Structure formats: C-alpha cells, structure tokens
Amino acid sequence: MSARELQRRIADDWRVTSYSGLQQHGFSGGQDLLPRLDVDAAGVGEVVEEPQLTPHQFPRGAAPGTFLHSLFEELDFTQPVPEGWMAEKLQLSGFDAQWAPVLTDWLGAC
C-alpha cells in the first residue's frame, strides 16, 4: 500500500489577521455591496443633529483594541457594569471620559 501523490497545487495565499489589520489595509468589500442612496430622490433634506458617539467611532488600532479586550477580561457579564468603573478604566488608559456612557451601554448589552 502506498500514499497517493497530490496532483494539484495547494492554495497558500491566505493568512490569519485581525480586525485592526483589515482596517489598516483599507478592506472595504462590504461597502461595494451596499446600495447607493440618492438623497435627492428620496426627498430627504439636510438634517443637522449633534453627533452622537457610537462604539463604532471608538479609536481604532492595537492600543484601543487591547484596552477593549482588557475590559472583556475583567467584566462579569452576569452583572451590570459598575457605575464609575468605565470612567476609571478610560482615564487610566488615557481615553476621554466622554466614552464612558457609550462603552457602558455597549458592554451592558453583551
């Protein structure tokens, strides 16, 4: 009995990466799939609202990612996020306190 020889080329042009790595290299495949919105045709005028922060606007990169990961490691997801805890963690890591309610609500929804 002998092993068969592989007759085709094995694809080795893939790699494992992180979300930060995808963002850094400008991957936007999903954007191309979204339908184009013609605001004039929709009858929507310009609406001026105060910008609201969302978790998707949190700074990107390795340091913010490590910070968020550290929150996940410390939290007890069976309990509410302690009041003031998020502000303290943000301050210790050098992030603006304005993110406290955004991240508290986000992590509380997990």
Protein backbone atom coordinates (compact mmCIF):
# COMPACT_ATOMS: atom_id res chain seq x y z
CA MET A 1 0.00 0.00 0.00
CA SER A 2 1.32 3.47 -0.84
CA ALA A 3 0.06 7.02 -0.41
CA ARG A 4 -1.32 8.82 -3.43
CA GLU A 5 0.54 11.87 -4.68
CA LEU A 6 -1.28 15.16 -4.74
CA GLN A 7 -1.83 16.27 -8.33
CA ARG A 8 -2.97 19.85 -7.72
CA ARG A 9 -1.43 22.97 -6.22
CA ILE A 10 -2.45 23.82 -2.66
CA ALA A 11 -3.54 27.44 -2.26
CA ASP A 12 -1.32 29.14 0.28
CA ASP A 13 -2.20 32.75 -0.48
CA TRP A 14 -4.29 33.29 2.65
CA ARG A 15 -3.41 34.44 6.14
CA VAL A 16 -4.92 35.00 9.57
CA THR A 17 -5.36 38.65 10.52
CA SER A 18 -7.24 40.80 12.98
CA TYR A 19 -10.00 43.35 12.55
CA SER A 20 -7.39 46.06 13.08
CA GLY A 21 -5.30 44.54 10.31
CA LEU A 22 -8.24 44.65 7.91
CA GLN A 23 -8.92 48.28 8.79
CA GLN A 24 -5.27 49.24 8.42
CA HIS A 25 -5.16 47.87 4.89
CA GLY A 26 -8.40 49.58 3.91
CA PHE A 27 -10.53 46.48 3.31
CA SER A 28 -13.98 47.73 2.35
CA GLY A 29 -15.57 44.86 0.45
CA GLY A 30 -18.90 45.35 2.20
CA GLN A 31 -19.11 48.99 1.14
CA ASP A 32 -19.15 47.99 -2.51
CA LEU A 33 -22.17 45.75 -1.90
CA LEU A 34 -24.30 48.41 -0.25
CA PRO A 35 -26.93 50.05 -2.44
CA ARG A 36 -26.29 53.64 -3.41
CA LEU A 37 -28.65 56.10 -1.73
CA ASP A 38 -29.83 59.02 -3.81
CA VAL A 39 -30.71 61.54 -1.10
CA ASP A 40 -32.33 63.99 -3.54
CA ALA A 41 -34.56 61.29 -4.98
CA ALA A 42 -35.55 60.14 -1.51
CA GLY A 43 -36.78 63.63 -0.61
CA VAL A 44 -34.57 63.81 2.44
CA GLY A 45 -33.24 67.24 3.29
CA GLU A 46 -30.16 68.07 5.27
CA VAL A 47 -30.73 67.33 8.94
CA VAL A 48 -28.34 68.91 11.38
CA GLU A 49 -28.05 66.94 14.58
CA GLU A 50 -25.43 66.86 17.24
CA PRO A 51 -23.12 63.97 16.55
CA GLN A 52 -23.65 61.06 18.89
CA LEU A 53 -20.83 58.74 19.75
CA THR A 54 -21.24 55.06 18.99
CA PRO A 55 -18.98 52.09 19.74
CA HIS A 56 -18.06 52.08 16.04
CA GLN A 57 -16.44 55.50 16.43
CA PHE A 58 -14.13 54.41 19.25
CA PRO A 59 -10.47 54.87 18.26
CA ARG A 60 -9.03 52.07 16.15
CA GLY A 61 -5.76 50.27 16.37
CA ALA A 62 -3.79 47.96 18.60
CA ALA A 63 -3.87 50.05 21.80
CA PRO A 64 -7.65 50.70 21.75
CA GLY A 65 -8.21 47.06 20.83
CA THR A 66 -6.08 45.90 23.74
CA PHE A 67 -7.98 48.28 26.03
CA LEU A 68 -11.35 46.85 24.94
CA HIS A 69 -10.03 43.32 25.31
CA SER A 70 -8.92 44.11 28.88
CA LEU A 71 -12.48 45.26 29.67
CA PHE A 72 -13.86 41.94 28.43
CA GLU A 73 -11.38 40.07 30.62
CA GLU A 74 -12.36 41.97 33.77
CA LEU A 75 -16.13 42.18 33.40
CA ASP A 76 -18.60 39.78 34.96
CA PHE A 77 -21.21 39.67 32.21
CA THR A 78 -23.84 38.36 34.62
CA GLN A 79 -23.75 41.69 36.48
CA PRO A 80 -24.38 45.27 35.34
CA VAL A 81 -21.30 47.36 34.54
CA PRO A 82 -20.42 49.14 37.82
CA GLU A 83 -21.09 52.89 37.77
CA GLY A 84 -17.84 54.82 37.57
CA TRP A 85 -15.82 51.72 36.69
CA MET A 86 -15.74 52.53 32.99
CA ALA A 87 -14.72 56.17 33.56
CA GLU A 88 -11.86 54.99 35.78
CA LYS A 89 -10.65 52.44 33.20
CA LEU A 90 -10.82 55.05 30.42
CA GLN A 91 -8.86 57.57 32.47
CA LEU A 92 -6.18 55.04 33.43
CA SER A 93 -5.73 54.13 29.76
CA GLY A 94 -5.69 57.73 28.51
CA PHE A 95 -9.07 57.79 26.76
CA ASP A 96 -11.59 60.63 27.03
CA ALA A 97 -14.31 60.24 29.67
CA GLN A 98 -16.95 61.01 27.01
CA TRP A 99 -16.71 57.34 26.01
CA ALA A 100 -17.90 56.10 29.43
CA PRO A 101 -21.66 56.06 28.73
CA VAL A 102 -21.16 54.71 25.20
CA LEU A 103 -18.97 51.79 26.27
CA THR A 104 -21.01 51.15 29.43
CA ASP A 105 -24.21 50.80 27.39
CA TRP A 106 -22.43 48.71 24.77
CA LEU A 107 -20.90 46.28 27.26
CA GLY A 108 -24.13 46.17 29.24
CA ALA A 109 -25.89 44.87 26.13
CA CYS A 110 -23.49 41.91 25.82
